[in-house]
Amino acid sequence: MGRVSWERYFMNLARQAATRSTCPRKHVGAVIVRDRTVLSTGYNGSLRGAPHCDEVGCLMENGHCVRTVHAEANAIIQAARNGVRLDGAQIYVTASPCFNCFKLIVNAGIRTISYGEFYRDERVLQFARELGIEMVHLGLDGEAGEEGDDG
């Protein structure tokens, strides 16, 4: 078996991060990378110190669980807690971001969003085009977009 592409490698890490998710409605993982170096990871889960959905149930509002912090937000927060600059980085996420996470990603300076599955919000694609944010649909296996893998 040959080496996996960088895209598959980072998407595999995002998938692994998703295994830590504590909301049974959707397990999502995120990995933020710059220059082929992992800067931060995140998964969807409750506030630090608060009970998790898989312990006490989801807190639903308008069809969404509001108990959890999304994977992308947690990855950005983890970077901030550790003083890691994200400007010019790329994020790999198992599902495309919701609009609120998209706004956080853009304002954190992340320029490329690679995602496994498209999840709900078409506004993300529209705003990405307008803002010059690259959206790369890799699929959960990381197969598409293997160009540029030079080792």
Protein backbone atom coordinates (compact mmCIF):
# COMPACT_ATOMS: atom_id res chain seq x y z
CA MET A 1 0.00 0.00 0.00
CA GLY A 2 1.35 3.41 -1.00
CA ARG A 3 1.35 6.57 1.04
CA VAL A 4 -1.95 8.37 1.27
CA SER A 5 -2.23 11.88 -0.14
CA TRP A 6 -2.00 14.84 2.21
CA GLU A 7 -5.70 15.46 1.64
CA ARG A 8 -6.63 11.93 2.67
CA TYR A 9 -4.23 12.08 5.64
CA PHE A 10 -5.78 15.27 7.02
CA MET A 11 -9.34 14.11 6.33
CA ASN A 12 -8.51 10.85 8.14
CA LEU A 13 -7.39 12.95 11.12
CA ALA A 14 -10.67 14.90 10.98
CA ARG A 15 -12.60 11.61 10.89
CA GLN A 16 -10.63 10.41 13.91
CA ALA A 17 -11.38 13.65 15.77
CA ALA A 18 -15.09 13.07 15.02
CA THR A 19 -14.93 9.86 17.07
CA ARG A 20 -14.69 12.11 20.17
CA SER A 21 -18.00 13.86 19.39
CA THR A 22 -20.56 13.65 22.17
CA CYS A 23 -23.74 14.62 20.31
CA PRO A 24 -25.39 11.52 18.83
CA ARG A 25 -27.18 13.59 16.16
CA LYS A 26 -23.99 14.17 14.13
CA HIS A 27 -20.35 13.34 14.74
CA VAL A 28 -18.11 15.99 13.18
CA GLY A 29 -14.36 16.47 13.35
CA ALA A 30 -12.12 19.30 12.19
CA VAL A 31 -8.38 19.71 11.66
CA ILE A 32 -6.70 23.04 10.93
CA VAL A 33 -3.48 22.84 8.93
CA ARG A 34 -0.88 25.22 7.53
CA ASP A 35 2.12 24.13 5.46
CA ARG A 36 1.19 20.45 6.00
CA THR A 37 1.43 20.91 9.77
CA VAL A 38 -1.51 20.32 12.11
CA LEU A 39 -2.26 23.49 14.08
CA SER A 40 -5.44 22.47 15.91
CA THR A 41 -8.22 19.90 16.05
CA GLY A 42 -11.82 19.97 17.25
CA TYR A 43 -14.99 17.93 17.48
CA ASN A 44 -18.57 18.77 18.39
CA GLY A 45 -19.25 18.55 22.09
CA SER A 46 -20.68 20.41 25.05
CA LEU A 47 -19.23 23.39 26.87
CA ARG A 48 -16.20 22.54 29.01
CA GLY A 49 -17.43 21.07 32.27
CA ALA A 50 -21.06 20.81 31.15
CA PRO A 51 -22.88 17.49 30.65
CA HIS A 52 -22.76 16.03 27.16
CA CYS A 53 -25.71 15.14 24.91
CA ASP A 54 -24.83 11.46 25.12
CA GLU A 55 -25.19 11.75 28.92
CA VAL A 56 -28.27 13.99 29.35
CA GLY A 57 -29.81 14.29 25.89
CA CYS A 58 -29.77 16.95 23.22
CA LEU A 59 -31.02 20.46 23.91
CA MET A 60 -33.10 21.13 20.82
CA GLU A 61 -34.04 24.52 19.41
CA ASN A 62 -35.53 24.97 15.92
CA GLY A 63 -34.42 21.48 14.91
CA HIS A 64 -30.82 21.97 16.05
CA CYS A 65 -28.99 20.81 19.15
CA VAL A 66 -27.73 23.92 20.94
CA ARG A 67 -25.93 22.06 23.73
CA THR A 68 -22.90 21.47 21.51
CA VAL A 69 -20.11 23.67 20.24
CA HIS A 70 -19.36 22.74 16.63
CA ALA A 71 -16.11 21.05 15.62
CA GLU A 72 -14.87 24.00 13.56
CA ALA A 73 -15.51 26.46 16.39
CA ASN A 74 -13.78 24.15 18.88
CA ALA A 75 -10.73 23.86 16.60
CA ILE A 76 -10.53 27.66 16.30
CA ILE A 77 -11.01 28.07 20.07
CA GLN A 78 -8.31 25.47 20.79
CA ALA A 79 -5.89 27.36 18.56
CA ALA A 80 -6.72 30.62 20.36
CA ARG A 81 -6.23 29.01 23.78
CA ASN A 82 -2.77 27.91 22.67
CA GLY A 83 -1.79 31.15 20.92
CA VAL A 84 -1.73 29.60 17.43
CA ARG A 85 -2.15 31.99 14.48
CA LEU A 86 -4.56 30.65 11.83
CA ASP A 87 -4.09 33.25 9.11
CA GLY A 88 -3.64 31.54 5.74
CA ALA A 89 -4.49 28.09 7.11
CA GLN A 90 -6.72 25.36 5.70
CA ILE A 91 -9.43 23.49 7.59
CA TYR A 92 -10.43 19.89 6.96
CA VAL A 93 -13.87 19.06 8.30
CA THR A 94 -15.97 15.92 7.94
CA ALA A 95 -19.08 17.97 7.05
CA SER A 96 -19.21 21.39 5.43
CA PRO A 97 -19.60 24.16 7.99
CA CYS A 98 -22.86 25.76 9.02
CA PHE A 99 -23.10 29.44 8.22
CA ASN A 100 -22.10 30.52 11.76
CA CYS A 101 -18.97 28.33 11.69
CA PHE A 102 -18.21 29.53 8.16
CA LYS A 103 -18.17 33.11 9.48
CA LEU A 104 -15.76 32.11 12.27
CA ILE A 105 -13.51 30.29 9.80
CA VAL A 106 -13.34 33.30 7.47
CA ASN A 107 -12.69 35.78 10.27
CA ALA A 108 -9.96 33.53 11.71
CA GLY A 109 -8.09 33.97 8.41
CA ILE A 110 -8.56 30.43 7.10
CA ARG A 111 -8.57 30.55 3.29
CA THR A 112 -9.44 26.97 2.28
CA ILE A 113 -12.20 24.70 3.56
CA SER A 114 -11.94 21.02 2.62
CA TYR A 115 -14.97 19.00 3.61
CA GLY A 116 -16.18 15.42 3.47
CA GLU A 117 -19.92 15.75 2.97
CA PHE A 118 -21.98 18.77 2.07
CA TYR A 119 -24.20 19.66 5.00
CA ARG A 120 -27.29 21.81 4.46
CA ASP A 121 -26.29 25.44 3.96
CA GLU A 122 -25.94 26.67 0.37
CA ARG A 123 -25.14 30.20 1.67
CA VAL A 124 -21.69 28.95 2.58
CA LEU A 125 -20.92 28.22 -1.09
CA GLN A 126 -22.27 31.58 -2.24
CA PHE A 127 -20.31 33.60 0.34
CA ALA A 128 -17.16 31.54 -0.26
CA ARG A 129 -17.28 32.46 -3.97
CA GLU A 130 -17.81 36.14 -3.14
CA LEU A 131 -14.97 36.18 -0.59
CA GLY A 132 -12.45 34.08 -2.50
CA ILE A 133 -12.54 31.26 0.05
CA GLU A 134 -11.69 27.96 -1.60
CA MET A 135 -14.23 25.19 -0.95
CA VAL A 136 -12.89 21.70 -1.71
CA HIS A 137 -15.27 18.74 -1.61
CA LEU A 138 -13.06 15.77 -0.80
CA GLY A 139 -15.62 13.24 0.30
CA LEU A 140 -15.14 11.46 3.60
CA ASP A 141 -12.45 9.23 2.12
CA GLY A 142 -10.38 12.23 1.01
CA GLU A 143 -10.23 10.90 -2.56
CA ALA A 144 -10.89 14.00 -4.66
CA GLY A 145 -8.27 16.71 -4.85
CA GLU A 146 -5.18 14.53 -4.68
CA GLU A 147 -3.31 16.77 -7.08
CA GLY A 148 -0.31 18.52 -5.67
CA ASP A 149 0.75 15.54 -3.56
CA ASP A 150 4.48 15.69 -3.99
CA GLY A 151 5.48 14.06 -0.78
